[in-house]
Amino acid sequence: MGGKLISGALFLTILGTLLLLPPLANVFQLQRRFFGLPAELIYLFACWGVLIAAAFWLSRRLPREAEAEPRNEDDT
């Protein structure tokens, strides 16, 4: 199951990059305003919020790295 989640994290990174690239973001450069805000601004912040929520969800499900071995105080 951990491999699928790690692949999902990679996919999320690639998807986020593609969503915020200018060619796709320019699709939303409309002369339309929603609640007084331009459509492209709403698009960018919506993408940003969804990416943060997905990263938070994935971070809770990804396997933790093994804890580092505690160092001995006598080792110098």
PDB file of N, CA and C in Angstrom:
ATOM      1  N   MET A   1       0.821  -1.200   0.000  1.00  0.00           N
ATOM      2  CA  MET A   1       0.000   0.000   0.000  1.00  0.00           C
ATOM      3  C   MET A   1       0.861   1.258   0.000  1.00  0.00           C
ATOM      4  N   GLY A   2       2.023   1.194   0.628  1.00  0.00           N
ATOM      5  CA  GLY A   2       2.892   2.360   0.686  1.00  0.00           C
ATOM      6  C   GLY A   2       3.379   2.797  -0.679  1.00  0.00           C
ATOM      7  N   GLY A   3       3.608   1.800  -1.592  1.00  0.00           N
ATOM      8  CA  GLY A   3       4.064   2.130  -2.936  1.00  0.00           C
ATOM      9  C   GLY A   3       3.036   2.929  -3.711  1.00  0.00           C
ATOM     10  N   LYS A   4       1.773   2.599  -3.527  1.00  0.00           N
ATOM     11  CA  LYS A   4       0.708   3.337  -4.213  1.00  0.00           C
ATOM     12  C   LYS A   4       0.622   4.767  -3.695  1.00  0.00           C
ATOM     13  N   LEU A   5       0.812   4.940  -2.401  1.00  0.00           N
ATOM     14  CA  LEU A   5       0.758   6.291  -1.835  1.00  0.00           C
ATOM     15  C   LEU A   5       1.956   7.126  -2.280  1.00  0.00           C
ATOM     16  N   ILE A   6       3.109   6.484  -2.376  1.00  0.00           N
ATOM     17  CA  ILE A   6       4.290   7.213  -2.845  1.00  0.00           C
ATOM     18  C   ILE A   6       4.096   7.618  -4.300  1.00  0.00           C
ATOM     19  N   SER A   7       3.517   6.730  -5.101  1.00  0.00           N
ATOM     20  CA  SER A   7       3.207   7.072  -6.491  1.00  0.00           C
ATOM     21  C   SER A   7       2.174   8.202  -6.542  1.00  0.00           C
ATOM     22  N   GLY A   8       1.227   8.182  -5.625  1.00  0.00           N
ATOM     23  CA  GLY A   8       0.234   9.253  -5.552  1.00  0.00           C
ATOM     24  C   GLY A   8       0.870  10.588  -5.219  1.00  0.00           C
ATOM     25  N   ALA A   9       1.878  10.574  -4.351  1.00  0.00           N
ATOM     26  CA  ALA A   9       2.580  11.811  -4.006  1.00  0.00           C
ATOM     27  C   ALA A   9       3.323  12.361  -5.220  1.00  0.00           C
ATOM     28  N   LEU A  10       3.935  11.483  -6.005  1.00  0.00           N
ATOM     29  CA  LEU A  10       4.611  11.914  -7.223  1.00  0.00           C
ATOM     30  C   LEU A  10       3.599  12.471  -8.224  1.00  0.00           C
ATOM     31  N   PHE A  11       2.475  11.775  -8.371  1.00  0.00           N
ATOM     32  CA  PHE A  11       1.422  12.240  -9.276  1.00  0.00           C
ATOM     33  C   PHE A  11       0.899  13.609  -8.849  1.00  0.00           C
ATOM     34  N   LEU A  12       0.727  13.811  -7.544  1.00  0.00           N
ATOM     35  CA  LEU A  12       0.243  15.097  -7.040  1.00  0.00           C
ATOM     36  C   LEU A  12       1.220  16.217  -7.377  1.00  0.00           C
ATOM     37  N   THR A  13       2.507  15.936  -7.282  1.00  0.00           N
ATOM     38  CA  THR A  13       3.521  16.931  -7.627  1.00  0.00           C
ATOM     39  C   THR A  13       3.455  17.296  -9.109  1.00  0.00           C
ATOM     40  N   ILE A  14       3.351  16.272  -9.947  1.00  0.00           N
ATOM     41  CA  ILE A  14       3.288  16.524 -11.394  1.00  0.00           C
ATOM     42  C   ILE A  14       1.993  17.246 -11.756  1.00  0.00           C
ATOM     43  N   LEU A  15       0.882  16.811 -11.169  1.00  0.00           N
ATOM     44  CA  LEU A  15      -0.406  17.457 -11.427  1.00  0.00           C
ATOM     45  C   LEU A  15      -0.388  18.916 -11.004  1.00  0.00           C
ATOM     46  N   GLY A  16       0.157  19.197  -9.835  1.00  0.00           N
ATOM     47  CA  GLY A  16       0.244  20.575  -9.367  1.00  0.00           C
ATOM     48  C   GLY A  16       1.071  21.446 -10.288  1.00  0.00           C
ATOM     49  N   THR A  17       2.163  20.894 -10.787  1.00  0.00           N
ATOM     50  CA  THR A  17       3.001  21.638 -11.727  1.00  0.00           C
ATOM     51  C   THR A  17       2.236  21.942 -13.007  1.00  0.00           C
ATOM     52  N   LEU A  18       1.539  20.938 -13.521  1.00  0.00           N
ATOM     53  CA  LEU A  18       0.794  21.135 -14.766  1.00  0.00           C
ATOM     54  C   LEU A  18      -0.359  22.120 -14.594  1.00  0.00           C
ATOM     55  N   LEU A  19      -1.039  22.051 -13.452  1.00  0.00           N
ATOM     56  CA  LEU A  19      -2.172  22.944 -13.237  1.00  0.00           C
ATOM     57  C   LEU A  19      -1.758  24.409 -13.136  1.00  0.00           C
ATOM     58  N   LEU A  20      -0.547  24.652 -12.664  1.00  0.00           N
ATOM     59  CA  LEU A  20      -0.114  26.031 -12.461  1.00  0.00           C
ATOM     60  C   LEU A  20       0.762  26.564 -13.586  1.00  0.00           C
ATOM     61  N   LEU A  21       1.036  25.743 -14.597  1.00  0.00           N
ATOM     62  CA  LEU A  21       1.797  26.225 -15.752  1.00  0.00           C
ATOM     63  C   LEU A  21       0.962  27.247 -16.526  1.00  0.00           C
ATOM     64  N   PRO A  22       1.603  28.240 -17.092  1.00  0.00           N
ATOM     65  CA  PRO A  22       0.857  29.287 -17.801  1.00  0.00           C
ATOM     66  C   PRO A  22      -0.094  28.811 -18.901  1.00  0.00           C
ATOM     67  N   PRO A  23       0.255  27.815 -19.731  1.00  0.00           N
ATOM     68  CA  PRO A  23      -0.713  27.438 -20.783  1.00  0.00           C
ATOM     69  C   PRO A  23      -2.070  26.993 -20.230  1.00  0.00           C
ATOM     70  N   LEU A  24      -2.088  26.232 -19.161  1.00  0.00           N
ATOM     71  CA  LEU A  24      -3.364  25.802 -18.608  1.00  0.00           C
ATOM     72  C   LEU A  24      -4.005  26.910 -17.772  1.00  0.00           C
ATOM     73  N   ALA A  25      -3.204  27.653 -17.062  1.00  0.00           N
ATOM     74  CA  ALA A  25      -3.747  28.743 -16.256  1.00  0.00           C
ATOM     75  C   ALA A  25      -4.330  29.848 -17.144  1.00  0.00           C
ATOM     76  N   ASN A  26      -3.790  30.017 -18.339  1.00  0.00           N
ATOM     77  CA  ASN A  26      -4.294  31.051 -19.247  1.00  0.00           C
ATOM     78  C   ASN A  26      -5.674  30.731 -19.790  1.00  0.00           C
ATOM     79  N   VAL A  27      -6.082  29.474 -19.704  1.00  0.00           N
ATOM     80  CA  VAL A  27      -7.426  29.102 -20.141  1.00  0.00           C
ATOM     81  C   VAL A  27      -8.463  29.870 -19.329  1.00  0.00           C
ATOM     82  N   PHE A  28      -8.123  30.193 -18.092  1.00  0.00           N
ATOM     83  CA  PHE A  28      -9.064  30.865 -17.206  1.00  0.00           C
ATOM     84  C   PHE A  28      -8.906  32.378 -17.206  1.00  0.00           C
ATOM     85  N   GLN A  29      -8.222  32.920 -18.183  1.00  0.00           N
ATOM     86  CA  GLN A  29      -8.132  34.375 -18.296  1.00  0.00           C
ATOM     87  C   GLN A  29      -9.367  34.886 -19.016  1.00  0.00           C
ATOM     88  N   LEU A  30     -10.421  34.912 -18.305  1.00  0.00           N
ATOM     89  CA  LEU A  30     -11.700  35.395 -18.830  1.00  0.00           C
ATOM     90  C   LEU A  30     -11.928  36.808 -18.334  1.00  0.00           C
ATOM     91  N   GLN A  31     -12.748  37.511 -19.024  1.00  0.00           N
ATOM     92  CA  GLN A  31     -13.094  38.862 -18.583  1.00  0.00           C
ATOM     93  C   GLN A  31     -14.243  38.820 -17.582  1.00  0.00           C
ATOM     94  N   ARG A  32     -14.459  37.681 -17.008  1.00  0.00           N
ATOM     95  CA  ARG A  32     -15.557  37.478 -16.073  1.00  0.00           C
ATOM     96  C   ARG A  32     -15.044  37.622 -14.636  1.00  0.00           C
ATOM     97  N   ARG A  33     -15.881  38.145 -13.806  1.00  0.00           N
ATOM     98  CA  ARG A  33     -15.541  38.292 -12.381  1.00  0.00           C
ATOM     99  C   ARG A  33     -16.584  37.577 -11.545  1.00  0.00           C
ATOM    100  N   PHE A  34     -16.109  36.942 -10.488  1.00  0.00           N
ATOM    101  CA  PHE A  34     -16.976  36.272  -9.527  1.00  0.00           C
ATOM    102  C   PHE A  34     -16.713  36.893  -8.165  1.00  0.00           C
ATOM    103  N   PHE A  35     -17.747  37.419  -7.567  1.00  0.00           N
ATOM    104  CA  PHE A  35     -17.632  38.101  -6.275  1.00  0.00           C
ATOM    105  C   PHE A  35     -16.596  39.216  -6.349  1.00  0.00           C
ATOM    106  N   GLY A  36     -16.445  39.831  -7.519  1.00  0.00           N
ATOM    107  CA  GLY A  36     -15.510  40.931  -7.699  1.00  0.00           C
ATOM    108  C   GLY A  36     -14.078  40.503  -7.949  1.00  0.00           C
ATOM    109  N   LEU A  37     -13.824  39.191  -8.042  1.00  0.00           N
ATOM    110  CA  LEU A  37     -12.472  38.689  -8.261  1.00  0.00           C
ATOM    111  C   LEU A  37     -12.362  38.103  -9.663  1.00  0.00           C
ATOM    112  N   PRO A  38     -11.216  38.299 -10.319  1.00  0.00           N
ATOM    113  CA  PRO A  38     -11.033  37.723 -11.656  1.00  0.00           C
ATOM    114  C   PRO A  38     -11.049  36.187 -11.607  1.00  0.00           C
ATOM    115  N   ALA A  39     -11.512  35.561 -12.679  1.00  0.00           N
ATOM    116  CA  ALA A  39     -11.635  34.102 -12.731  1.00  0.00           C
ATOM    117  C   ALA A  39     -10.283  33.413 -12.566  1.00  0.00           C
ATOM    118  N   GLU A  40      -9.208  33.967 -13.157  1.00  0.00           N
ATOM    119  CA  GLU A  40      -7.904  33.305 -13.045  1.00  0.00           C
ATOM    120  C   GLU A  40      -7.378  33.320 -11.615  1.00  0.00           C
ATOM    121  N   LEU A  41      -7.704  34.353 -10.850  1.00  0.00           N
ATOM    122  CA  LEU A  41      -7.292  34.397  -9.452  1.00  0.00           C
ATOM    123  C   LEU A  41      -8.019  33.319  -8.651  1.00  0.00           C
ATOM    124  N   ILE A  42      -9.296  33.150  -8.902  1.00  0.00           N
ATOM    125  CA  ILE A  42     -10.058  32.098  -8.229  1.00  0.00           C
ATOM    126  C   ILE A  42      -9.507  30.732  -8.614  1.00  0.00           C
ATOM    127  N   TYR A  43      -9.180  30.535  -9.899  1.00  0.00           N
ATOM    128  CA  TYR A  43      -8.614  29.268 -10.361  1.00  0.00           C
ATOM    129  C   TYR A  43      -7.305  28.959  -9.636  1.00  0.00           C
ATOM    130  N   LEU A  44      -6.397  29.926  -9.588  1.00  0.00           N
ATOM    131  CA  LEU A  44      -5.096  29.692  -8.963  1.00  0.00           C
ATOM    132  C   LEU A  44      -5.229  29.370  -7.477  1.00  0.00           C
ATOM    133  N   PHE A  45      -6.062  30.109  -6.751  1.00  0.00           N
ATOM    134  CA  PHE A  45      -6.213  29.843  -5.335  1.00  0.00           C
ATOM    135  C   PHE A  45      -6.972  28.547  -5.072  1.00  0.00           C
ATOM    136  N   ALA A  46      -7.898  28.183  -5.950  1.00  0.00           N
ATOM    137  CA  ALA A  46      -8.598  26.909  -5.807  1.00  0.00           C
ATOM    138  C   ALA A  46      -7.628  25.748  -6.017  1.00  0.00           C
ATOM    139  N   CYS A  47      -6.782  25.838  -7.046  1.00  0.00           N
ATOM    140  CA  CYS A  47      -5.770  24.803  -7.276  1.00  0.00           C
ATOM    141  C   CYS A  47      -4.830  24.702  -6.086  1.00  0.00           C
ATOM    142  N   TRP A  48      -4.379  25.830  -5.609  1.00  0.00           N
ATOM    143  CA  TRP A  48      -3.463  25.880  -4.468  1.00  0.00           C
ATOM    144  C   TRP A  48      -4.097  25.227  -3.241  1.00  0.00           C
ATOM    145  N   GLY A  49      -5.347  25.556  -2.953  1.00  0.00           N
ATOM    146  CA  GLY A  49      -6.030  24.978  -1.798  1.00  0.00           C
ATOM    147  C   GLY A  49      -6.233  23.478  -1.924  1.00  0.00           C
ATOM    148  N   VAL A  50      -6.606  23.017  -3.116  1.00  0.00           N
ATOM    149  CA  VAL A  50      -6.805  21.579  -3.336  1.00  0.00           C
ATOM    150  C   VAL A  50      -5.477  20.840  -3.212  1.00  0.00           C
ATOM    151  N   LEU A  51      -4.397  21.416  -3.739  1.00  0.00           N
ATOM    152  CA  LEU A  51      -3.084  20.775  -3.630  1.00  0.00           C
ATOM    153  C   LEU A  51      -2.625  20.690  -2.178  1.00  0.00           C
ATOM    154  N   ILE A  52      -2.879  21.719  -1.400  1.00  0.00           N
ATOM    155  CA  ILE A  52      -2.507  21.689   0.017  1.00  0.00           C
ATOM    156  C   ILE A  52      -3.315  20.628   0.755  1.00  0.00           C
ATOM    157  N   ALA A  53      -4.618  20.566   0.498  1.00  0.00           N
ATOM    158  CA  ALA A  53      -5.465  19.568   1.151  1.00  0.00           C
ATOM    159  C   ALA A  53      -5.041  18.149   0.764  1.00  0.00           C
ATOM    160  N   ALA A  54      -4.728  17.935  -0.511  1.00  0.00           N
ATOM    161  CA  ALA A  54      -4.302  16.605  -0.959  1.00  0.00           C
ATOM    162  C   ALA A  54      -2.945  16.232  -0.365  1.00  0.00           C
ATOM    163  N   ALA A  55      -2.035  17.184  -0.267  1.00  0.00           N
ATOM    164  CA  ALA A  55      -0.732  16.910   0.330  1.00  0.00           C
ATOM    165  C   ALA A  55      -0.878  16.594   1.819  1.00  0.00           C
ATOM    166  N   PHE A  56      -1.759  17.288   2.502  1.00  0.00           N
ATOM    167  CA  PHE A  56      -2.008  17.003   3.919  1.00  0.00           C
ATOM    168  C   PHE A  56      -2.577  15.592   4.079  1.00  0.00           C
ATOM    169  N   TRP A  57      -3.545  15.243   3.219  1.00  0.00           N
ATOM    170  CA  TRP A  57      -4.159  13.917   3.284  1.00  0.00           C
ATOM    171  C   TRP A  57      -3.115  12.829   3.021  1.00  0.00           C
ATOM    172  N   LEU A  58      -2.276  13.044   1.990  1.00  0.00           N
ATOM    173  CA  LEU A  58      -1.240  12.057   1.680  1.00  0.00           C
ATOM    174  C   LEU A  58      -0.204  11.955   2.794  1.00  0.00           C
ATOM    175  N   SER A  59       0.152  13.067   3.394  1.00  0.00           N
ATOM    176  CA  SER A  59       1.178  13.044   4.444  1.00  0.00           C
ATOM    177  C   SER A  59       0.734  12.246   5.656  1.00  0.00           C
ATOM    178  N   ARG A  60      -0.558  12.196   5.903  1.00  0.00           N
ATOM    179  CA  ARG A  60      -1.067  11.421   7.033  1.00  0.00           C
ATOM    180  C   ARG A  60      -1.083   9.928   6.739  1.00  0.00           C
ATOM    181  N   ARG A  61      -1.053   9.552   5.468  1.00  0.00           N
ATOM    182  CA  ARG A  61      -1.154   8.154   5.091  1.00  0.00           C
ATOM    183  C   ARG A  61       0.153   7.535   4.620  1.00  0.00           C
ATOM    184  N   LEU A  62       1.149   8.353   4.305  1.00  0.00           N
ATOM    185  CA  LEU A  62       2.435   7.823   3.874  1.00  0.00           C
ATOM    186  C   LEU A  62       3.149   7.153   5.040  1.00  0.00           C
ATOM    187  N   PRO A  63       3.875   6.075   4.780  1.00  0.00           N
ATOM    188  CA  PRO A  63       4.596   5.410   5.868  1.00  0.00           C
ATOM    189  C   PRO A  63       5.712   6.306   6.397  1.00  0.00           C
ATOM    190  N   ARG A  64       5.893   6.252   7.682  1.00  0.00           N
ATOM    191  CA  ARG A  64       6.949   7.042   8.321  1.00  0.00           C
ATOM    192  C   ARG A  64       8.295   6.371   8.093  1.00  0.00           C
ATOM    193  N   GLU A  65       9.340   7.180   8.007  1.00  0.00           N
ATOM    194  CA  GLU A  65      10.686   6.618   7.911  1.00  0.00           C
ATOM    195  C   GLU A  65      11.054   6.020   9.258  1.00  0.00           C
ATOM    196  N   ALA A  66      11.904   5.027   9.225  1.00  0.00           N
ATOM    197  CA  ALA A  66      12.346   4.394  10.469  1.00  0.00           C
ATOM    198  C   ALA A  66      13.062   5.445  11.322  1.00  0.00           C
ATOM    199  N   GLU A  67      12.794   5.379  12.584  1.00  0.00           N
ATOM    200  CA  GLU A  67      13.431   6.321  13.502  1.00  0.00           C
ATOM    201  C   GLU A  67      14.937   6.073  13.527  1.00  0.00           C
ATOM    202  N   ALA A  68      15.688   7.135  13.551  1.00  0.00           N
ATOM    203  CA  ALA A  68      17.147   7.010  13.616  1.00  0.00           C
ATOM    204  C   ALA A  68      17.534   6.412  14.961  1.00  0.00           C
ATOM    205  N   GLU A  69      18.593   5.639  14.929  1.00  0.00           N
ATOM    206  CA  GLU A  69      19.039   5.033  16.179  1.00  0.00           C
ATOM    207  C   GLU A  69      19.542   6.119  17.110  1.00  0.00           C
ATOM    208  N   PRO A  70      19.188   6.016  18.384  1.00  0.00           N
ATOM    209  CA  PRO A  70      19.658   7.035  19.333  1.00  0.00           C
ATOM    210  C   PRO A  70      21.178   6.973  19.471  1.00  0.00           C
ATOM    211  N   ARG A  71      21.782   8.130  19.554  1.00  0.00           N
ATOM    212  CA  ARG A  71      23.233   8.194  19.710  1.00  0.00           C
ATOM    213  C   ARG A  71      23.622   7.976  21.142  1.00  0.00           C
ATOM    214  N   ASN A  72      24.722   7.326  21.325  1.00  0.00           N
ATOM    215  CA  ASN A  72      25.275   7.139  22.676  1.00  0.00           C
ATOM    216  C   ASN A  72      25.978   8.420  23.095  1.00  0.00           C
ATOM    217  N   GLU A  73      25.815   8.776  24.326  1.00  0.00           N
ATOM    218  CA  GLU A  73      26.484   9.971  24.837  1.00  0.00           C
ATOM    219  C   GLU A  73      27.987   9.735  24.943  1.00  0.00           C
ATOM    220  N   ASP A  74      28.397   8.447  25.045  1.00  0.00           N
ATOM    221  CA  ASP A  74      29.803   8.132  25.208  1.00  0.00           C
ATOM    222  C   ASP A  74      30.571   8.246  23.906  1.00  0.00           C
ATOM    223  N   ASP A  75      29.876   8.162  22.765  1.00  0.00           N
ATOM    224  CA  ASP A  75      30.548   8.262  21.468  1.00  0.00           C
ATOM    225  C   ASP A  75      30.903   9.719  21.176  1.00  0.00           C
ATOM    226  N   THR A  76      32.163   9.967  20.926  1.00  0.00           N
ATOM    227  CA  THR A  76      32.594  11.330  20.596  1.00  0.00           C
ATOM    228  C   THR A  76      33.484  11.327  19.398  1.00  0.00           C
TER     229      THR A  76
END
